[in-house]
Protein backbone atom coordinates (compact mmCIF):
# COMPACT_ATOMS: atom_id res chain seq x y z
CA MET A 1 119.50 86.10 119.98
CA THR A 2 117.60 88.75 118.01
CA SER A 3 119.39 92.10 118.15
CA PRO A 4 117.34 94.90 119.69
CA LEU A 5 115.50 97.42 117.53
CA VAL A 6 116.47 100.97 118.46
CA LEU A 7 113.77 103.61 118.79
CA SER A 8 115.02 107.21 118.80
CA ILE A 9 112.60 109.40 120.76
CA ASP A 10 112.16 113.16 120.99
CA ALA A 11 111.51 113.17 124.73
CA MET A 12 110.68 116.88 124.81
CA GLY A 13 108.08 116.88 122.03
CA GLY A 14 104.40 117.27 122.88
CA ASP A 15 102.14 119.17 125.24
CA HIS A 16 102.95 116.98 128.27
CA ALA A 17 106.55 115.95 127.64
CA PRO A 18 108.74 114.50 128.98
CA ASP A 19 106.44 112.84 131.54
CA ILE A 20 104.06 111.10 129.14
CA VAL A 21 106.93 110.15 126.84
CA VAL A 22 108.81 108.29 129.57
CA ASP A 23 105.65 106.75 131.05
CA GLY A 24 104.54 105.73 127.56
CA ALA A 25 107.87 104.03 126.88
CA ALA A 26 107.59 102.14 130.17
CA ALA A 27 104.04 101.04 129.36
CA PHE A 28 105.13 99.95 125.88
CA LEU A 29 107.79 97.67 127.38
CA LYS A 30 105.36 95.67 129.52
CA GLY A 31 104.94 92.19 128.06
CA ARG A 32 107.17 93.07 125.10
CA ARG A 33 109.19 90.08 123.87
CA ARG A 34 110.97 91.71 120.96
CA PRO A 35 114.22 93.23 122.31
CA VAL A 36 114.22 97.03 122.05
CA LYS A 37 116.43 99.91 123.07
CA PHE A 38 115.50 103.59 123.49
CA LEU A 39 117.52 106.70 122.74
CA LEU A 40 115.82 109.51 124.66
CA HIS A 41 116.81 112.96 123.44
CA GLY A 42 116.19 115.94 125.71
CA ASP A 43 116.87 117.60 129.02
CA GLU A 44 118.65 114.94 131.06
CA ALA A 45 117.90 116.70 134.36
CA ARG A 46 114.18 116.31 133.69
CA ILE A 47 114.25 112.93 131.97
CA ALA A 48 116.56 110.94 134.28
CA PRO A 49 114.36 111.11 137.43
CA LEU A 50 111.37 109.95 135.39
CA VAL A 51 113.29 107.00 133.93
CA GLU A 52 114.53 105.96 137.38
CA LYS A 53 110.92 105.32 138.41
CA HIS A 54 110.83 102.46 135.86
CA PRO A 55 113.73 100.02 136.44
CA GLY A 56 112.84 97.98 133.39
CA LEU A 57 113.00 101.07 131.19
CA ALA A 58 116.27 102.27 132.68
CA ALA A 59 117.93 99.00 131.67
CA VAL A 60 117.24 99.56 127.94
CA CYS A 61 117.38 103.34 127.83
CA GLU A 62 120.12 105.81 126.90
CA ILE A 63 119.53 109.49 127.62
CA ARG A 64 121.22 111.92 125.24
CA HIS A 65 121.18 115.40 126.65
CA THR A 66 120.07 118.28 124.45
CA ALA A 67 119.56 121.81 125.70
CA GLY A 68 117.22 122.86 122.90
CA GLU A 69 113.72 121.79 121.91
CA VAL A 70 111.35 122.77 119.12
CA ASP A 71 108.43 124.94 120.21
CA MET A 72 104.98 123.59 119.38
CA SER A 73 104.10 126.88 117.64
CA ALA A 74 107.32 127.20 115.60
CA LYS A 75 106.94 127.57 111.83
CA PRO A 76 108.54 124.74 109.81
CA SER A 77 111.03 127.01 108.06
CA GLU A 78 112.03 128.56 111.38
CA ALA A 79 112.38 125.14 113.00
CA VAL A 80 114.77 123.93 110.29
CA ARG A 81 116.96 127.01 110.66
CA ARG A 82 117.10 127.04 114.44
CA SER A 83 116.57 123.45 115.57
CA LYS A 84 119.99 121.89 114.95
CA GLY A 85 121.02 120.16 118.15
CA SER A 86 117.46 120.11 119.51
CA SER A 87 115.78 116.97 120.84
CA MET A 88 113.69 116.64 117.67
CA TRP A 89 116.61 117.19 115.31
CA ASN A 90 118.84 114.70 117.12
CA ALA A 91 116.07 112.09 117.33
CA VAL A 92 115.68 112.09 113.55
CA HIS A 93 119.42 112.37 112.89
CA ALA A 94 120.00 109.16 114.84
CA VAL A 95 118.07 107.35 112.09
CA LYS A 96 120.21 108.90 109.36
CA ASP A 97 123.39 108.01 111.27
CA GLY A 98 122.28 104.38 111.49
CA GLU A 99 122.09 104.44 115.27
CA ALA A 100 118.32 103.91 115.34
CA HIS A 101 115.74 102.17 113.17
CA VAL A 102 112.93 104.70 113.65
CA ALA A 103 112.31 108.15 115.16
CA VAL A 104 109.22 109.08 117.22
CA SER A 105 108.03 112.51 118.30
CA ALA A 106 104.85 114.10 119.66
CA GLY A 107 106.18 117.56 118.79
CA ASN A 108 105.26 120.18 116.22
CA THR A 109 103.99 118.33 113.11
CA GLY A 110 105.14 120.87 110.52
CA ALA A 111 108.54 121.18 112.14
CA LEU A 112 108.99 117.41 112.36
CA MET A 113 108.06 117.01 108.70
CA ALA A 114 110.45 119.75 107.59
CA ILE A 115 113.31 118.47 109.74
CA SER A 116 112.75 114.89 108.56
CA LYS A 117 112.83 115.97 104.91
CA VAL A 118 116.07 117.92 105.41
CA ILE A 119 117.85 115.16 107.33
CA LEU A 120 116.53 111.96 105.71
CA ARG A 121 115.66 113.30 102.25
CA MET A 122 112.92 112.00 100.01
CA LYS A 123 112.91 108.61 98.37
CA LYS A 124 113.64 108.60 94.67
CA GLY A 125 110.36 109.03 92.83
CA VAL A 126 108.54 110.72 95.73
CA HIS A 127 107.68 114.39 95.32
CA ARG A 128 106.23 114.90 98.79
CA PRO A 129 105.89 112.79 101.93
CA ALA A 130 102.48 111.91 103.33
CA ILE A 131 101.15 111.26 106.81
CA ALA A 132 99.33 107.92 107.10
CA ALA A 133 96.76 107.42 109.87
CA SER A 134 94.99 104.28 111.09
CA TRP A 135 91.17 104.52 111.04
CA PRO A 136 88.87 102.14 112.98
CA VAL A 137 86.53 100.07 110.78
CA PRO A 138 84.30 97.03 111.51
CA GLN A 139 86.99 94.52 110.53
CA GLY A 140 89.89 96.33 112.24
CA TYR A 141 91.57 99.38 110.73
CA CYS A 142 92.02 101.02 107.38
CA THR A 143 94.83 103.40 106.41
CA VAL A 144 94.04 106.96 105.34
CA LEU A 145 96.61 109.27 103.76
CA ASP A 146 97.45 112.08 103.49
CA VAL A 147 96.02 113.51 106.72
CA GLY A 148 97.84 116.80 106.91
CA ALA A 149 101.21 117.06 105.19
CA ASN A 150 100.07 118.29 101.75
CA VAL A 151 97.16 120.67 101.30
CA GLU A 152 97.32 120.44 97.50
CA CYS A 153 98.43 117.44 95.45
CA THR A 154 99.03 116.51 91.83
CA PRO A 155 97.63 113.28 90.33
CA ALA A 156 101.10 111.69 90.42
CA GLN A 157 101.45 112.53 94.11
CA LEU A 158 98.13 110.86 94.89
CA VAL A 159 99.38 107.75 93.09
CA GLU A 160 102.56 107.89 95.18
CA PHE A 161 100.36 108.03 98.30
CA ALA A 162 98.51 104.93 97.08
CA ILE A 163 101.80 103.05 96.66
CA MET A 164 103.12 104.09 100.05
CA GLY A 165 99.82 103.52 101.85
CA GLU A 166 99.41 100.02 100.43
CA ALA A 167 102.91 99.00 101.56
CA PHE A 168 102.32 100.53 105.00
CA HIS A 169 98.99 98.74 105.47
CA ARG A 170 100.44 95.39 104.48
CA VAL A 171 103.07 95.70 107.19
CA ALA A 172 101.07 97.46 109.90
CA ARG A 173 97.92 95.33 109.56
CA GLY A 174 99.24 92.06 108.15
CA VAL A 175 97.03 92.17 105.04
CA THR A 176 98.73 90.33 102.20
CA ARG A 177 97.04 92.26 99.38
CA PRO A 178 95.37 95.48 100.64
CA THR A 179 92.62 97.06 98.57
CA VAL A 180 93.06 100.71 97.61
CA GLY A 181 90.57 103.48 96.79
CA ILE A 182 90.66 107.22 96.10
CA LEU A 183 88.38 109.43 98.21
CA ASN A 184 85.83 111.24 96.05
CA VAL A 185 82.39 112.86 96.23
CA GLY A 186 80.85 109.88 94.46
CA SER A 187 81.70 106.45 93.09
CA GLU A 188 80.79 107.24 89.47
CA GLN A 189 83.63 107.75 86.99
CA MET A 190 82.55 111.28 86.04
CA LYS A 191 82.53 112.51 89.66
CA GLY A 192 85.29 114.53 91.31
CA ASP A 193 87.67 117.28 90.27
CA GLU A 194 90.30 117.04 87.56
CA THR A 195 93.08 115.99 89.95
CA VAL A 196 91.14 113.05 91.35
CA ARG A 197 90.01 111.84 87.92
CA ALA A 198 93.56 112.10 86.54
CA ALA A 199 94.94 110.15 89.52
CA ASP A 200 92.36 107.44 88.92
CA ALA A 201 93.33 107.20 85.25
CA LEU A 202 97.03 107.04 86.11
CA LEU A 203 96.52 104.27 88.65
CA ARG A 204 94.57 102.21 86.12
CA ALA A 205 97.22 102.73 83.43
CA ALA A 206 100.23 102.07 85.64
CA ASN A 207 99.61 98.33 85.92
CA LEU A 208 101.00 98.33 89.45
CA ASP A 209 101.03 95.26 91.66
CA MET A 210 98.05 96.66 93.57
CA ASP A 211 94.37 95.83 94.12
CA TYR A 212 92.95 99.21 93.12
CA ARG A 213 89.14 99.51 93.49
CA GLY A 214 88.48 103.03 92.16
CA TYR A 215 86.57 105.74 94.02
CA VAL A 216 85.28 105.56 97.58
CA GLU A 217 83.10 108.11 99.40
CA GLY A 218 83.40 109.62 102.87
CA ASN A 219 81.08 107.09 104.50
CA ASP A 220 83.15 104.27 102.97
CA ILE A 221 86.12 105.12 105.20
CA SER A 222 84.50 103.97 108.45
CA ALA A 223 82.70 101.18 106.61
CA GLY A 224 86.06 99.70 105.62
CA THR A 225 85.12 99.48 101.94
CA THR A 226 88.84 99.49 101.08
CA ASP A 227 91.91 98.90 103.23
CA VAL A 228 93.62 102.09 102.03
CA VAL A 229 91.96 105.44 101.30
CA VAL A 230 93.95 108.04 99.36
CA THR A 231 93.27 111.77 99.50
CA ASP A 232 95.03 115.13 99.81
CA GLY A 233 96.13 116.45 103.19
CA PHE A 234 93.48 119.16 103.34
CA THR A 235 90.57 116.75 102.97
CA GLY A 236 92.21 114.00 104.98
CA ASN A 237 92.98 116.19 107.97
CA ILE A 238 89.45 117.55 108.13
CA ALA A 239 88.00 114.04 107.88
CA LEU A 240 90.32 112.76 110.62
CA LYS A 241 89.58 115.61 113.04
CA ALA A 242 85.84 115.28 112.39
CA ALA A 243 85.97 111.56 113.14
CA GLU A 244 87.95 112.07 116.34
CA GLY A 245 85.49 114.72 117.49
CA THR A 246 82.55 112.46 116.73
CA ALA A 247 84.10 109.60 118.71
CA ARG A 248 84.56 111.86 121.74
CA LEU A 249 81.01 113.17 121.39
CA LEU A 250 79.54 109.66 121.35
CA ALA A 251 81.70 108.61 124.28
CA GLY A 252 80.43 111.61 126.23
CA TRP A 253 76.82 110.80 125.41
CA MET A 254 77.31 107.20 126.55
CA ARG A 255 78.88 108.38 129.79
CA GLU A 256 75.94 110.71 130.42
CA ALA A 257 73.41 108.00 129.57
CA PHE A 258 74.94 105.50 131.99
CA THR A 259 75.17 107.99 134.86
CA SER A 260 72.02 110.06 134.36
CA SER A 261 69.98 108.26 137.03
CA LEU A 262 70.09 105.45 139.55
CA ILE A 263 68.22 103.15 137.16
CA ALA A 264 70.70 103.96 134.39
CA LYS A 265 73.62 103.17 136.71
CA VAL A 266 72.05 99.86 137.71
CA GLY A 267 71.43 99.02 134.06
CA ALA A 268 75.02 99.82 133.21
CA ALA A 269 76.19 97.58 136.04
CA LEU A 270 74.12 94.71 134.63
CA LEU A 271 75.67 95.06 131.21
CA SER A 272 78.78 93.09 130.30
CA VAL A 273 81.72 94.92 131.82
CA SER A 274 84.13 93.30 129.38
CA GLY A 275 81.91 94.30 126.47
CA LEU A 276 81.86 97.93 127.59
CA LYS A 277 85.64 97.89 127.92
CA VAL A 278 86.01 96.62 124.36
CA LEU A 279 83.65 99.32 123.08
CA LYS A 280 85.49 102.02 125.01
CA SER A 281 88.81 100.84 123.63
CA ARG A 282 87.60 100.85 120.03
CA MET A 283 86.22 104.37 120.41
CA ASP A 284 89.39 105.68 122.05
CA PRO A 285 91.54 107.76 119.63
CA ARG A 286 94.60 106.78 121.69
CA SER A 287 94.32 103.23 120.38
CA VAL A 288 95.28 104.44 116.88
CA ASN A 289 97.62 107.28 117.86
CA GLY A 290 100.61 107.58 115.57
CA GLY A 291 100.78 109.04 112.08
CA VAL A 292 103.59 107.71 109.90
CA PHE A 293 105.61 109.93 107.56
CA LEU A 294 105.80 108.00 104.31
CA GLY A 295 108.17 108.76 101.44
CA LEU A 296 111.35 109.44 103.39
CA ASN A 297 114.63 107.51 103.43
CA GLY A 298 113.85 106.36 106.93
CA VAL A 299 110.93 105.85 109.28
CA VAL A 300 109.46 108.69 111.36
CA VAL A 301 106.30 108.37 113.47
CA LYS A 302 104.33 111.38 114.68
CA SER A 303 102.36 111.00 117.91
CA HIS A 304 99.50 113.38 118.65
CA GLY A 305 100.84 116.37 120.56
CA GLY A 306 98.14 116.26 123.22
CA THR A 307 98.23 112.51 123.85
CA ASP A 308 98.90 110.80 127.17
CA SER A 309 101.18 107.87 128.02
CA VAL A 310 98.70 105.33 126.63
CA GLY A 311 98.56 107.08 123.28
CA PHE A 312 102.33 107.50 123.13
CA ALA A 313 102.80 103.79 123.85
CA THR A 314 100.59 103.10 120.81
CA SER A 315 102.81 105.26 118.60
CA LEU A 316 105.84 103.29 119.82
CA ARG A 317 104.11 100.02 118.94
CA ILE A 318 103.46 101.28 115.40
CA ALA A 319 107.08 102.43 115.14
CA LEU A 320 108.34 99.01 116.21
CA GLU A 321 106.19 97.20 113.64
CA LEU A 322 107.50 99.38 110.83
CA ALA A 323 111.12 99.21 111.95
CA ASP A 324 110.90 95.41 111.91
CA SER A 325 109.54 95.23 108.35
CA ARG A 326 110.46 95.58 104.67
CA PHE A 327 107.85 98.16 103.76
CA LEU A 328 110.44 100.73 102.58
CA THR A 329 111.74 98.22 100.03
CA GLU A 330 108.20 97.47 98.81
CA ILE A 331 107.55 101.19 98.31
CA GLU A 332 110.72 101.54 96.23
CA GLN A 333 109.70 98.68 93.91
CA ASN A 334 106.30 100.16 93.02
CA LEU A 335 107.70 103.69 92.76
CA SER A 336 110.12 102.38 90.14
CA ARG A 337 107.19 100.98 88.18
CA LEU A 338 105.33 104.30 88.43
CA ALA A 339 108.40 106.14 87.10
CA GLU A 340 108.47 103.80 84.10
CA VAL A 341 104.81 104.52 83.32
CA GLU A 342 105.31 108.29 83.60
CA ALA A 343 108.33 108.07 81.30
CA GLU A 344 106.28 106.10 78.76
CA GLU A 345 103.51 108.72 78.86
CA ILE A 346 106.02 111.52 78.26
CA ALA A 347 107.53 109.62 75.34
CA ASP A 348 104.10 108.97 73.81
CA ALA A 349 103.15 112.63 74.15
CA SER A 350 106.42 113.65 72.51
CA GLU A 351 105.82 111.29 69.56
CA GLN A 352 102.32 112.67 69.07
CA GLU A 353 103.62 116.23 68.98
CA THR A 354 106.30 115.24 66.46
CA ALA A 355 103.75 113.51 64.25
């Protein structure tokens, strides 16, 4: 029998924890064939009564009491200094200790990133971790990174993001050979700032095992022009928040249109109910909730802080898929190749200076 995958969860992280965390875990279990086990870190007095409402969850759940939790407004540096023994700290530490395969939290993003870096450390060859998000496109989803961890990036860091994003997409979306592009203000080679152009040149020179397609523009993200879109965290976060806001705006307009009059309501009733449900699901940000921290010696998934149980269940699904894969090994292989290319460039530059 397949041994269960263990998901370590910060049960106190998020705007509506622990209620939505427990309800989300219970919803995630429904129809799940792959054996799983949960480690719920947090206030046992608050968590236990919620778990008892779901017998199926209680059977695969272990509550680990912690008195402390990380405040949603805490600064990353402050969180690292004061969070030892908190629900977030212990959730991540369970991965380092080998007790769990992946950690999940809807808590403070900056704090979770800082704590994860301190506990799990960075992979060799990675300068900074990146947050990867799933983005709806006509054929399914594309992966966009970074969406908030790094405001400024070097060309080498953008290449690292490309390597990590490609491996993530292959596992999360089942695409054998994902296509990769760098987000730019145009598709022409002369477009973009120096960092973007240098990253493009490095990707072309690295001879990585990757289907790199060059530059993509903002409208190419939702069009699904490439499977993976690479950018810095400043640009990526703005693009992500703008897209989420647009989706909610359109959903609101549709709701108003279908309820504005009796005729509109009748027309809506005549439309395919199943079709409307599919459309609603595809426009729902909860269906893609769960940003993945890439570049660490372990897997950490960040759920949106304001999500509900449906959104949190989605983040658990993403966590399970990654925990049951080899994507960390794939990242290491291409990072090794990138390191070789960088070393060759340094050697060539040194020879030119000597000559």
